Amino acid sequence: ITPEVAGKFPGYLSPSTGLQYQDIPNGLAAISKVPSLGWAQILGYCAFCEVSQDQSRGTPGEVGQFGFKVLTSSDPEAKSKKLAAEIANGRLAMMATMGMFFQDGLTGSAWGEWANYTDSPLRAFEGELGVQPPVGFWDPLGLSADGDVAFFKRRREVELKHGRISMFAAIGYIVPEYFRFPGELSPKLGISFADVPNGLAAISKVPGQGWSQIVGFLGTYELFINGEQKNGEPGNYGKGNLGLGFLGSVSDPEARKKKLSAELANGRLAMMAIIGMFFQDGLTGSAWGDWALYTDSPLR
């Protein structure tokens, strides 16, 4: 960041080679410009800092205390807060600098525009639905790098299905906290809707025949009702606006694009949300569980 904002030192980085600080580009491009003796000095300095401190077990250096007291405090509470902030900021910086390296490598600048990455095979899909700010076409694993349209459409269909199911699932986690159907879920077994807990605990309470009905219902939709796509469009099964056939389709192309983009974005958010609910429910016993309830945590 600093060379971009505050500028660079005046004068020469290497007088013997006539190399000035101004000649060194910012970011990864500097690697090939800095002379080998310069890199030797950098590595030597880092090695000196590493070996000049005793970091053996039981010493202050083992936990990163090297006597640098500028930002510390004599107040234990303030010191603990500052050390926690240092760790949090370090974690954020590790993620940030990897992102800068990645973007610099692709676009030639840590702040580079996606438009500069002209060699990307993902450009074949950058006009598709779901390419939204701030990340644009985001495919960190390169699943679409081969430019295969058929595979892309298949993945898009799966993404839409998972997003739709996750939206239902997230709502299904929330609604029972405020409302449950009256009466019995299984009259034969004497199980009422009120007896079924919310969240993961319900898995063991719902009878096996109940799960068979759920799986059978989903399978029927997958194989027979939502089997054929309309016009080769992923996720379009001819159900119209909101999936309710009697509402008809959205005739305005711009409004339709906006609604479909919103569905993708909300589905992606729901997939993250339901996984978070599962995780927190599994640890604390509730999707809204307090960390204090996770008494078995080895982190305690």
C-alpha atoms as a PDB file:
ATOM      1  CA  ILE A   1       0.000   0.000   0.000  1.00  0.00           C
ATOM      2  CA  THR A   2       2.679   2.516   1.074  1.00  0.00           C
ATOM      3  CA  PRO A   3       4.461   2.905  -2.322  1.00  0.00           C
ATOM      4  CA  GLU A   4       1.070   3.529  -3.967  1.00  0.00           C
ATOM      5  CA  VAL A   5       0.083   6.269  -1.501  1.00  0.00           C
ATOM      6  CA  ALA A   6       3.194   7.827   0.011  1.00  0.00           C
ATOM      7  CA  GLY A   7       5.506   7.375  -2.944  1.00  0.00           C
ATOM      8  CA  LYS A   8       9.002   5.901  -3.050  1.00  0.00           C
ATOM      9  CA  PHE A   9      12.356   6.872  -1.581  1.00  0.00           C
ATOM     10  CA  PRO A  10      14.470   9.255  -3.660  1.00  0.00           C
ATOM     11  CA  GLY A  11      17.878   8.224  -4.928  1.00  0.00           C
ATOM     12  CA  TYR A  12      19.384   4.877  -5.847  1.00  0.00           C
ATOM     13  CA  LEU A  13      18.516   1.416  -4.647  1.00  0.00           C
ATOM     14  CA  SER A  14      21.658   0.083  -6.347  1.00  0.00           C
ATOM     15  CA  PRO A  15      24.187   2.735  -7.426  1.00  0.00           C
ATOM     16  CA  SER A  16      26.447   0.101  -8.984  1.00  0.00           C
ATOM     17  CA  THR A  17      23.691  -0.954 -11.395  1.00  0.00           C
ATOM     18  CA  GLY A  18      22.145   2.515 -11.754  1.00  0.00           C
ATOM     19  CA  LEU A  19      18.846   1.255 -10.304  1.00  0.00           C
ATOM     20  CA  GLN A  20      16.680   3.850  -8.573  1.00  0.00           C
ATOM     21  CA  TYR A  21      13.822   3.253  -6.138  1.00  0.00           C
ATOM     22  CA  GLN A  22      11.520   4.828  -8.716  1.00  0.00           C
ATOM     23  CA  ASP A  23      12.470   2.078 -11.165  1.00  0.00           C
ATOM     24  CA  ILE A  24      11.077  -0.667  -8.935  1.00  0.00           C
ATOM     25  CA  PRO A  25       7.430  -1.484  -9.687  1.00  0.00           C
ATOM     26  CA  ASN A  26       5.033  -2.220  -6.869  1.00  0.00           C
ATOM     27  CA  GLY A  27       3.911  -5.772  -6.102  1.00  0.00           C
ATOM     28  CA  LEU A  28       5.063  -9.048  -7.604  1.00  0.00           C
ATOM     29  CA  ALA A  29       6.768  -7.337 -10.545  1.00  0.00           C
ATOM     30  CA  ALA A  30       9.443  -6.083  -8.111  1.00  0.00           C
ATOM     31  CA  ILE A  31      10.752  -9.640  -7.616  1.00  0.00           C
ATOM     32  CA  SER A  32      12.583  -9.642 -10.931  1.00  0.00           C
ATOM     33  CA  LYS A  33      13.808  -6.031 -10.602  1.00  0.00           C
ATOM     34  CA  VAL A  34      15.517  -6.137  -7.213  1.00  0.00           C
ATOM     35  CA  PRO A  35      19.175  -7.273  -7.650  1.00  0.00           C
ATOM     36  CA  SER A  36      20.227 -10.635  -6.208  1.00  0.00           C
ATOM     37  CA  LEU A  37      22.460  -8.901  -3.661  1.00  0.00           C
ATOM     38  CA  GLY A  38      19.408  -6.965  -2.503  1.00  0.00           C
ATOM     39  CA  TRP A  39      17.480 -10.196  -1.946  1.00  0.00           C
ATOM     40  CA  ALA A  40      20.513 -11.613  -0.104  1.00  0.00           C
ATOM     41  CA  GLN A  41      20.396  -8.613   2.258  1.00  0.00           C
ATOM     42  CA  ILE A  42      16.654  -9.057   2.834  1.00  0.00           C
ATOM     43  CA  LEU A  43      16.997 -12.780   3.566  1.00  0.00           C
ATOM     44  CA  GLY A  44      20.034 -12.153   5.771  1.00  0.00           C
ATOM     45  CA  TYR A  45      18.137  -9.572   7.824  1.00  0.00           C
ATOM     46  CA  CYS A  46      15.156 -11.897   8.255  1.00  0.00           C
ATOM     47  CA  ALA A  47      17.474 -14.729   9.303  1.00  0.00           C
ATOM     48  CA  PHE A  48      19.212 -12.489  11.830  1.00  0.00           C
ATOM     49  CA  CYS A  49      15.856 -11.499  13.381  1.00  0.00           C
ATOM     50  CA  GLU A  50      14.860 -15.166  13.549  1.00  0.00           C
ATOM     51  CA  VAL A  51      18.021 -16.597  15.140  1.00  0.00           C
ATOM     52  CA  SER A  52      19.035 -13.657  17.349  1.00  0.00           C
ATOM     53  CA  GLN A  53      16.177 -14.349  19.785  1.00  0.00           C
ATOM     54  CA  ASP A  54      15.917 -17.351  22.072  1.00  0.00           C
ATOM     55  CA  GLN A  55      12.632 -19.020  21.111  1.00  0.00           C
ATOM     56  CA  SER A  56      13.151 -22.289  22.996  1.00  0.00           C
ATOM     57  CA  ARG A  57      10.369 -23.793  25.099  1.00  0.00           C
ATOM     58  CA  GLY A  58       9.572 -21.835  28.240  1.00  0.00           C
ATOM     59  CA  THR A  59      11.142 -18.566  27.079  1.00  0.00           C
ATOM     60  CA  PRO A  60       9.209 -15.338  26.355  1.00  0.00           C
ATOM     61  CA  GLY A  61      10.282 -15.668  22.717  1.00  0.00           C
ATOM     62  CA  GLU A  62       8.286 -18.893  22.405  1.00  0.00           C
ATOM     63  CA  VAL A  63       5.045 -16.888  22.531  1.00  0.00           C
ATOM     64  CA  GLY A  64       6.327 -13.949  20.492  1.00  0.00           C
ATOM     65  CA  GLN A  65       7.545 -11.683  23.307  1.00  0.00           C
ATOM     66  CA  PHE A  66      10.824 -10.180  22.137  1.00  0.00           C
ATOM     67  CA  GLY A  67      10.982  -7.110  24.387  1.00  0.00           C
ATOM     68  CA  PHE A  68       9.410  -4.680  21.905  1.00  0.00           C
ATOM     69  CA  LYS A  69       7.371  -2.499  24.287  1.00  0.00           C
ATOM     70  CA  VAL A  70       6.203   0.403  22.104  1.00  0.00           C
ATOM     71  CA  LEU A  71       2.543  -0.618  21.854  1.00  0.00           C
ATOM     72  CA  THR A  72       2.216  -2.620  25.070  1.00  0.00           C
ATOM     73  CA  SER A  73       0.638  -1.574  28.360  1.00  0.00           C
ATOM     74  CA  SER A  74       1.219  -2.084  32.080  1.00  0.00           C
ATOM     75  CA  ASP A  75      -2.535  -2.595  32.556  1.00  0.00           C
ATOM     76  CA  PRO A  76      -3.253  -6.375  32.188  1.00  0.00           C
ATOM     77  CA  GLU A  77      -6.706  -5.740  30.711  1.00  0.00           C
ATOM     78  CA  ALA A  78      -5.400  -3.257  28.129  1.00  0.00           C
ATOM     79  CA  LYS A  79      -2.444  -5.527  27.329  1.00  0.00           C
ATOM     80  CA  SER A  80      -4.730  -8.500  26.743  1.00  0.00           C
ATOM     81  CA  LYS A  81      -6.915  -6.402  24.457  1.00  0.00           C
ATOM     82  CA  LYS A  82      -3.924  -5.192  22.431  1.00  0.00           C
ATOM     83  CA  LEU A  83      -2.499  -8.704  22.052  1.00  0.00           C
ATOM     84  CA  ALA A  84      -5.893 -10.009  20.916  1.00  0.00           C
ATOM     85  CA  ALA A  85      -6.104  -7.152  18.392  1.00  0.00           C
ATOM     86  CA  GLU A  86      -2.608  -8.013  17.114  1.00  0.00           C
ATOM     87  CA  ILE A  87      -3.594 -11.628  16.471  1.00  0.00           C
ATOM     88  CA  ALA A  88      -6.855 -10.612  14.780  1.00  0.00           C
ATOM     89  CA  ASN A  89      -5.119  -8.024  12.609  1.00  0.00           C
ATOM     90  CA  GLY A  90      -2.401 -10.535  11.689  1.00  0.00           C
ATOM     91  CA  ARG A  91      -5.005 -13.064  10.546  1.00  0.00           C
ATOM     92  CA  LEU A  92      -6.741 -10.418   8.466  1.00  0.00           C
ATOM     93  CA  ALA A  93      -3.416  -9.305   6.972  1.00  0.00           C
ATOM     94  CA  MET A  94      -2.537 -12.882   5.964  1.00  0.00           C
ATOM     95  CA  MET A  95      -5.799 -13.153   4.060  1.00  0.00           C
ATOM     96  CA  ALA A  96      -5.401  -9.658   2.593  1.00  0.00           C
ATOM     97  CA  THR A  97      -1.865 -10.139   1.309  1.00  0.00           C
ATOM     98  CA  MET A  98      -2.751 -13.482  -0.300  1.00  0.00           C
ATOM     99  CA  GLY A  99      -5.640 -11.731  -2.041  1.00  0.00           C
ATOM    100  CA  MET A 100      -3.258  -8.996  -3.203  1.00  0.00           C
ATOM    101  CA  PHE A 101      -0.779 -11.576  -4.529  1.00  0.00           C
ATOM    102  CA  PHE A 102      -3.550 -13.409  -6.359  1.00  0.00           C
ATOM    103  CA  GLN A 103      -5.011 -10.280  -7.939  1.00  0.00           C
ATOM    104  CA  ASP A 104      -1.560  -8.924  -8.768  1.00  0.00           C
ATOM    105  CA  GLY A 105      -0.655 -12.177 -10.497  1.00  0.00           C
ATOM    106  CA  LEU A 106      -3.824 -12.130 -12.581  1.00  0.00           C
ATOM    107  CA  THR A 107      -4.126  -8.449 -13.452  1.00  0.00           C
ATOM    108  CA  GLY A 108      -0.636  -6.999 -12.944  1.00  0.00           C
ATOM    109  CA  SER A 109      -1.654  -4.940  -9.930  1.00  0.00           C
ATOM    110  CA  ALA A 110      -2.844  -5.642  -6.391  1.00  0.00           C
ATOM    111  CA  TRP A 111      -5.679  -3.208  -7.152  1.00  0.00           C
ATOM    112  CA  GLY A 112      -6.033  -4.443 -10.726  1.00  0.00           C
ATOM    113  CA  GLU A 113      -9.305  -4.440 -12.563  1.00  0.00           C
ATOM    114  CA  TRP A 114     -10.804  -7.759 -13.696  1.00  0.00           C
ATOM    115  CA  ALA A 115     -10.865  -6.237 -17.178  1.00  0.00           C
ATOM    116  CA  ASN A 116      -7.041  -6.447 -17.216  1.00  0.00           C
ATOM    117  CA  TYR A 117      -7.133 -10.233 -16.953  1.00  0.00           C
ATOM    118  CA  THR A 118      -7.731 -10.671 -20.652  1.00  0.00           C
ATOM    119  CA  ASP A 119      -6.360 -14.228 -20.783  1.00  0.00           C
ATOM    120  CA  SER A 120      -8.975 -15.620 -18.411  1.00  0.00           C
ATOM    121  CA  PRO A 121     -10.925 -18.584 -19.840  1.00  0.00           C
ATOM    122  CA  LEU A 122     -13.764 -17.513 -17.529  1.00  0.00           C
ATOM    123  CA  ARG A 123     -14.582 -14.662 -19.905  1.00  0.00           C
ATOM    124  CA  ALA A 124     -16.780 -17.142 -21.749  1.00  0.00           C
ATOM    125  CA  PHE A 125     -19.207 -16.930 -18.809  1.00  0.00           C
ATOM    126  CA  GLU A 126     -18.769 -13.394 -17.497  1.00  0.00           C
ATOM    127  CA  GLY A 127     -22.045 -12.303 -19.116  1.00  0.00           C
ATOM    128  CA  GLU A 128     -24.042 -15.030 -17.328  1.00  0.00           C
ATOM    129  CA  LEU A 129     -26.464 -14.504 -14.470  1.00  0.00           C
ATOM    130  CA  GLY A 130     -24.844 -14.444 -11.067  1.00  0.00           C
ATOM    131  CA  VAL A 131     -21.823 -12.406 -12.168  1.00  0.00           C
ATOM    132  CA  GLN A 132     -22.331  -9.703  -9.581  1.00  0.00           C
ATOM    133  CA  PRO A 133     -20.221  -7.173  -7.710  1.00  0.00           C
ATOM    134  CA  PRO A 134     -17.977  -7.116  -5.837  1.00  0.00           C
ATOM    135  CA  VAL A 135     -16.309 -10.374  -7.004  1.00  0.00           C
ATOM    136  CA  GLY A 136     -17.612 -10.611 -10.580  1.00  0.00           C
ATOM    137  CA  PHE A 137     -17.235 -14.115 -12.000  1.00  0.00           C
ATOM    138  CA  TRP A 138     -15.874 -15.905  -8.945  1.00  0.00           C
ATOM    139  CA  ASP A 139     -14.455 -19.354  -9.619  1.00  0.00           C
ATOM    140  CA  PRO A 140     -11.414 -19.769  -7.333  1.00  0.00           C
ATOM    141  CA  LEU A 141     -11.108 -23.512  -8.049  1.00  0.00           C
ATOM    142  CA  GLY A 142     -11.166 -22.983 -11.815  1.00  0.00           C
ATOM    143  CA  LEU A 143     -14.073 -25.383 -12.343  1.00  0.00           C
ATOM    144  CA  SER A 144     -15.103 -23.469 -15.468  1.00  0.00           C
ATOM    145  CA  ALA A 145     -11.580 -22.909 -16.752  1.00  0.00           C
ATOM    146  CA  ASP A 146     -12.096 -25.320 -19.649  1.00  0.00           C
ATOM    147  CA  GLY A 147     -14.924 -23.143 -21.032  1.00  0.00           C
ATOM    148  CA  ASP A 148     -17.262 -26.152 -21.350  1.00  0.00           C
ATOM    149  CA  VAL A 149     -20.767 -24.687 -21.685  1.00  0.00           C
ATOM    150  CA  ALA A 150     -22.583 -27.964 -20.964  1.00  0.00           C
ATOM    151  CA  PHE A 151     -20.738 -28.488 -17.698  1.00  0.00           C
ATOM    152  CA  PHE A 152     -21.291 -24.847 -16.739  1.00  0.00           C
ATOM    153  CA  LYS A 153     -25.047 -25.172 -17.256  1.00  0.00           C
ATOM    154  CA  ARG A 154     -25.101 -28.389 -15.243  1.00  0.00           C
ATOM    155  CA  ARG A 155     -23.292 -26.709 -12.345  1.00  0.00           C
ATOM    156  CA  ARG A 156     -25.595 -23.700 -12.581  1.00  0.00           C
ATOM    157  CA  GLU A 157     -28.653 -25.975 -12.393  1.00  0.00           C
ATOM    158  CA  VAL A 158     -27.220 -27.720  -9.324  1.00  0.00           C
ATOM    159  CA  GLU A 159     -26.380 -24.350  -7.748  1.00  0.00           C
ATOM    160  CA  LEU A 160     -29.955 -23.170  -8.246  1.00  0.00           C
ATOM    161  CA  LYS A 161     -31.422 -26.365  -6.787  1.00  0.00           C
ATOM    162  CA  HIS A 162     -29.184 -26.238  -3.753  1.00  0.00           C
ATOM    163  CA  GLY A 163     -29.906 -22.548  -3.286  1.00  0.00           C
ATOM    164  CA  ARG A 164     -33.661 -23.104  -3.442  1.00  0.00           C
ATOM    165  CA  ILE A 165     -33.534 -26.001  -0.989  1.00  0.00           C
ATOM    166  CA  SER A 166     -31.280 -23.980   1.326  1.00  0.00           C
ATOM    167  CA  MET A 167     -33.718 -21.060   1.310  1.00  0.00           C
ATOM    168  CA  PHE A 168     -36.502 -23.437   2.357  1.00  0.00           C
ATOM    169  CA  ALA A 169     -34.198 -25.001   4.962  1.00  0.00           C
ATOM    170  CA  ALA A 170     -33.176 -21.652   6.468  1.00  0.00           C
ATOM    171  CA  ILE A 171     -36.820 -20.603   6.724  1.00  0.00           C
ATOM    172  CA  GLY A 172     -37.606 -24.044   8.147  1.00  0.00           C
ATOM    173  CA  TYR A 173     -35.129 -23.419  10.939  1.00  0.00           C
ATOM    174  CA  ILE A 174     -36.681 -20.070  11.822  1.00  0.00           C
ATOM    175  CA  VAL A 175     -40.461 -20.647  11.547  1.00  0.00           C
ATOM    176  CA  PRO A 176     -40.748 -23.449  14.159  1.00  0.00           C
ATOM    177  CA  GLU A 177     -39.286 -21.090  16.739  1.00  0.00           C
ATOM    178  CA  TYR A 178     -42.485 -19.028  16.431  1.00  0.00           C
ATOM    179  CA  PHE A 179     -45.126 -21.394  15.047  1.00  0.00           C
ATOM    180  CA  ARG A 180     -45.903 -25.105  14.883  1.00  0.00           C
ATOM    181  CA  PHE A 181     -48.849 -26.938  13.435  1.00  0.00           C
ATOM    182  CA  PRO A 182     -51.387 -28.166  15.980  1.00  0.00           C
ATOM    183  CA  GLY A 183     -52.248 -31.848  16.207  1.00  0.00           C
ATOM    184  CA  GLU A 184     -50.222 -34.983  15.665  1.00  0.00           C
ATOM    185  CA  LEU A 185     -47.358 -35.659  13.301  1.00  0.00           C
ATOM    186  CA  SER A 186     -47.806 -39.403  13.739  1.00  0.00           C
ATOM    187  CA  PRO A 187     -51.139 -40.436  15.330  1.00  0.00           C
ATOM    188  CA  LYS A 188     -49.992 -44.064  15.291  1.00  0.00           C
ATOM    189  CA  LEU A 189     -46.954 -43.293  17.454  1.00  0.00           C
ATOM    190  CA  GLY A 190     -48.603 -40.485  19.401  1.00  0.00           C
ATOM    191  CA  ILE A 191     -46.058 -37.895  18.244  1.00  0.00           C
ATOM    192  CA  SER A 192     -47.442 -34.367  17.969  1.00  0.00           C
ATOM    193  CA  PHE A 193     -45.791 -31.534  16.018  1.00  0.00           C
ATOM    194  CA  ALA A 194     -45.064 -29.850  19.341  1.00  0.00           C
ATOM    195  CA  ASP A 195     -42.989 -32.890  20.417  1.00  0.00           C
ATOM    196  CA  VAL A 196     -40.493 -32.501  17.562  1.00  0.00           C
ATOM    197  CA  PRO A 197     -37.561 -30.249  18.496  1.00  0.00           C
ATOM    198  CA  ASN A 198     -36.216 -27.676  16.098  1.00  0.00           C
ATOM    199  CA  GLY A 199     -33.009 -28.226  14.173  1.00  0.00           C
ATOM    200  CA  LEU A 200     -30.755 -31.275  14.038  1.00  0.00           C
ATOM    201  CA  ALA A 201     -32.396 -32.860  17.078  1.00  0.00           C
ATOM    202  CA  ALA A 202     -35.500 -33.462  14.934  1.00  0.00           C
ATOM    203  CA  ILE A 203     -33.645 -36.046  12.821  1.00  0.00           C
ATOM    204  CA  SER A 204     -33.954 -38.721  15.490  1.00  0.00           C
ATOM    205  CA  LYS A 205     -37.536 -37.766  16.439  1.00  0.00           C
ATOM    206  CA  VAL A 206     -39.224 -37.970  13.037  1.00  0.00           C
ATOM    207  CA  PRO A 207     -40.343 -41.581  12.358  1.00  0.00           C
ATOM    208  CA  GLY A 208     -38.671 -43.573   9.587  1.00  0.00           C
ATOM    209  CA  GLN A 209     -41.867 -43.548   7.517  1.00  0.00           C
ATOM    210  CA  GLY A 210     -41.903 -39.761   7.787  1.00  0.00           C
ATOM    211  CA  TRP A 211     -38.397 -39.568   6.321  1.00  0.00           C
ATOM    212  CA  SER A 212     -39.453 -41.977   3.570  1.00  0.00           C
ATOM    213  CA  GLN A 213     -42.276 -39.617   2.652  1.00  0.00           C
ATOM    214  CA  ILE A 214     -39.903 -36.640   2.566  1.00  0.00           C
ATOM    215  CA  VAL A 215     -37.332 -38.450   0.406  1.00  0.00           C
ATOM    216  CA  GLY A 216     -40.080 -39.803  -1.872  1.00  0.00           C
ATOM    217  CA  PHE A 217     -41.593 -36.336  -2.316  1.00  0.00           C
ATOM    218  CA  LEU A 218     -38.239 -34.808  -3.241  1.00  0.00           C
ATOM    219  CA  GLY A 219     -37.434 -37.692  -5.564  1.00  0.00           C
ATOM    220  CA  THR A 220     -40.767 -37.288  -7.366  1.00  0.00           C
ATOM    221  CA  TYR A 221     -40.059 -33.604  -7.943  1.00  0.00           C
ATOM    222  CA  GLU A 222     -36.518 -34.327  -9.127  1.00  0.00           C
ATOM    223  CA  LEU A 223     -37.390 -37.140 -11.536  1.00  0.00           C
ATOM    224  CA  PHE A 224     -40.863 -36.363 -12.824  1.00  0.00           C
ATOM    225  CA  ILE A 225     -42.076 -32.832 -12.082  1.00  0.00           C
ATOM    226  CA  ASN A 226     -38.876 -30.801 -12.546  1.00  0.00           C
ATOM    227  CA  GLY A 227     -37.251 -33.131 -15.021  1.00  0.00           C
ATOM    228  CA  GLU A 228     -37.092 -31.077 -18.218  1.00  0.00           C
ATOM    229  CA  GLN A 229     -35.659 -27.584 -18.548  1.00  0.00           C
ATOM    230  CA  LYS A 230     -37.358 -24.990 -20.719  1.00  0.00           C
ATOM    231  CA  ASN A 231     -35.366 -23.471 -23.567  1.00  0.00           C
ATOM    232  CA  GLY A 232     -32.178 -25.069 -22.233  1.00  0.00           C
ATOM    233  CA  GLU A 233     -32.122 -22.557 -19.368  1.00  0.00           C
ATOM    234  CA  PRO A 234     -30.712 -23.998 -16.117  1.00  0.00           C
ATOM    235  CA  GLY A 235     -33.301 -24.108 -13.347  1.00  0.00           C
ATOM    236  CA  ASN A 236     -36.218 -23.090 -15.578  1.00  0.00           C
ATOM    237  CA  TYR A 237     -38.884 -25.788 -15.338  1.00  0.00           C
ATOM    238  CA  GLY A 238     -41.755 -23.709 -16.710  1.00  0.00           C
ATOM    239  CA  LYS A 239     -43.194 -22.841 -13.297  1.00  0.00           C
ATOM    240  CA  GLY A 240     -43.370 -19.106 -13.941  1.00  0.00           C
ATOM    241  CA  ASN A 241     -42.977 -16.254 -11.475  1.00  0.00           C
ATOM    242  CA  LEU A 242     -42.060 -17.437  -7.950  1.00  0.00           C
ATOM    243  CA  GLY A 243     -42.560 -21.012  -9.130  1.00  0.00           C
ATOM    244  CA  LEU A 244     -46.327 -20.509  -9.144  1.00  0.00           C
ATOM    245  CA  GLY A 245     -47.660 -21.352 -12.585  1.00  0.00           C
ATOM    246  CA  PHE A 246     -50.838 -19.309 -12.269  1.00  0.00           C
ATOM    247  CA  LEU A 247     -48.779 -16.104 -11.942  1.00  0.00           C
ATOM    248  CA  GLY A 248     -47.301 -16.618 -15.391  1.00  0.00           C
ATOM    249  CA  SER A 249     -43.784 -15.721 -16.426  1.00  0.00           C
ATOM    250  CA  VAL A 250     -42.110 -12.318 -16.072  1.00  0.00           C
ATOM    251  CA  SER A 251     -42.479 -10.651 -19.459  1.00  0.00           C
ATOM    252  CA  ASP A 252     -40.126  -7.697 -18.943  1.00  0.00           C
ATOM    253  CA  PRO A 253     -36.566  -8.964 -19.755  1.00  0.00           C
ATOM    254  CA  GLU A 254     -34.881  -6.499 -17.406  1.00  0.00           C
ATOM    255  CA  ALA A 255     -37.198  -7.319 -14.499  1.00  0.00           C
ATOM    256  CA  ARG A 256     -36.766 -11.043 -15.167  1.00  0.00           C
ATOM    257  CA  LYS A 257     -32.977 -10.752 -15.153  1.00  0.00           C
ATOM    258  CA  LYS A 258     -33.112  -8.816 -11.881  1.00  0.00           C
ATOM    259  CA  LYS A 259     -35.361 -11.426 -10.227  1.00  0.00           C
ATOM    260  CA  LEU A 260     -33.233 -14.349 -11.417  1.00  0.00           C
ATOM    261  CA  SER A 261     -30.060 -12.625 -10.210  1.00  0.00           C
ATOM    262  CA  ALA A 262     -31.705 -12.014  -6.842  1.00  0.00           C
ATOM    263  CA  GLU A 263     -32.669 -15.696  -6.642  1.00  0.00           C
ATOM    264  CA  LEU A 264     -29.052 -16.738  -7.242  1.00  0.00           C
ATOM    265  CA  ALA A 265     -27.690 -14.274  -4.702  1.00  0.00           C
ATOM    266  CA  ASN A 266     -30.257 -15.241  -2.059  1.00  0.00           C
ATOM    267  CA  GLY A 267     -29.651 -18.937  -2.719  1.00  0.00           C
ATOM    268  CA  ARG A 268     -25.911 -18.501  -2.245  1.00  0.00           C
ATOM    269  CA  LEU A 269     -26.498 -16.634   0.998  1.00  0.00           C
ATOM    270  CA  ALA A 270     -28.940 -19.332   2.154  1.00  0.00           C
ATOM    271  CA  MET A 271     -26.382 -22.093   1.472  1.00  0.00           C
ATOM    272  CA  MET A 272     -23.883 -20.310   3.700  1.00  0.00           C
ATOM    273  CA  ALA A 273     -26.578 -19.587   6.299  1.00  0.00           C
ATOM    274  CA  ILE A 274     -27.888 -23.135   6.622  1.00  0.00           C
ATOM    275  CA  ILE A 275     -24.366 -24.556   6.950  1.00  0.00           C
ATOM    276  CA  GLY A 276     -23.725 -22.010   9.711  1.00  0.00           C
ATOM    277  CA  MET A 277     -26.979 -23.038  11.416  1.00  0.00           C
ATOM    278  CA  PHE A 278     -26.058 -26.730  11.190  1.00  0.00           C
ATOM    279  CA  PHE A 279     -22.597 -26.067  12.573  1.00  0.00           C
ATOM    280  CA  GLN A 280     -23.776 -23.927  15.481  1.00  0.00           C
ATOM    281  CA  ASP A 281     -26.658 -26.306  16.212  1.00  0.00           C
ATOM    282  CA  GLY A 282     -24.293 -29.263  16.303  1.00  0.00           C
ATOM    283  CA  LEU A 283     -21.929 -27.492  18.704  1.00  0.00           C
ATOM    284  CA  THR A 284     -24.392 -25.760  21.032  1.00  0.00           C
ATOM    285  CA  GLY A 285     -27.698 -27.608  20.564  1.00  0.00           C
ATOM    286  CA  SER A 286     -29.392 -24.688  18.846  1.00  0.00           C
ATOM    287  CA  ALA A 287     -28.972 -22.768  15.596  1.00  0.00           C
ATOM    288  CA  TRP A 288     -28.990 -19.638  17.758  1.00  0.00           C
ATOM    289  CA  GLY A 289     -26.892 -21.293  20.471  1.00  0.00           C
ATOM    290  CA  ASP A 290     -24.561 -19.388  22.709  1.00  0.00           C
ATOM    291  CA  TRP A 291     -20.863 -20.315  22.633  1.00  0.00           C
ATOM    292  CA  ALA A 292     -21.136 -20.769  26.398  1.00  0.00           C
ATOM    293  CA  LEU A 293     -23.292 -23.858  25.752  1.00  0.00           C
ATOM    294  CA  TYR A 294     -20.457 -25.611  23.903  1.00  0.00           C
ATOM    295  CA  THR A 295     -18.967 -26.954  27.109  1.00  0.00           C
ATOM    296  CA  ASP A 296     -17.158 -29.839  25.395  1.00  0.00           C
ATOM    297  CA  SER A 297     -15.033 -27.553  23.233  1.00  0.00           C
ATOM    298  CA  PRO A 298     -11.320 -28.507  23.373  1.00  0.00           C
ATOM    299  CA  LEU A 299     -10.657 -24.789  22.922  1.00  0.00           C
ATOM    300  CA  ARG A 300     -11.849 -24.146  26.471  1.00  0.00           C
END
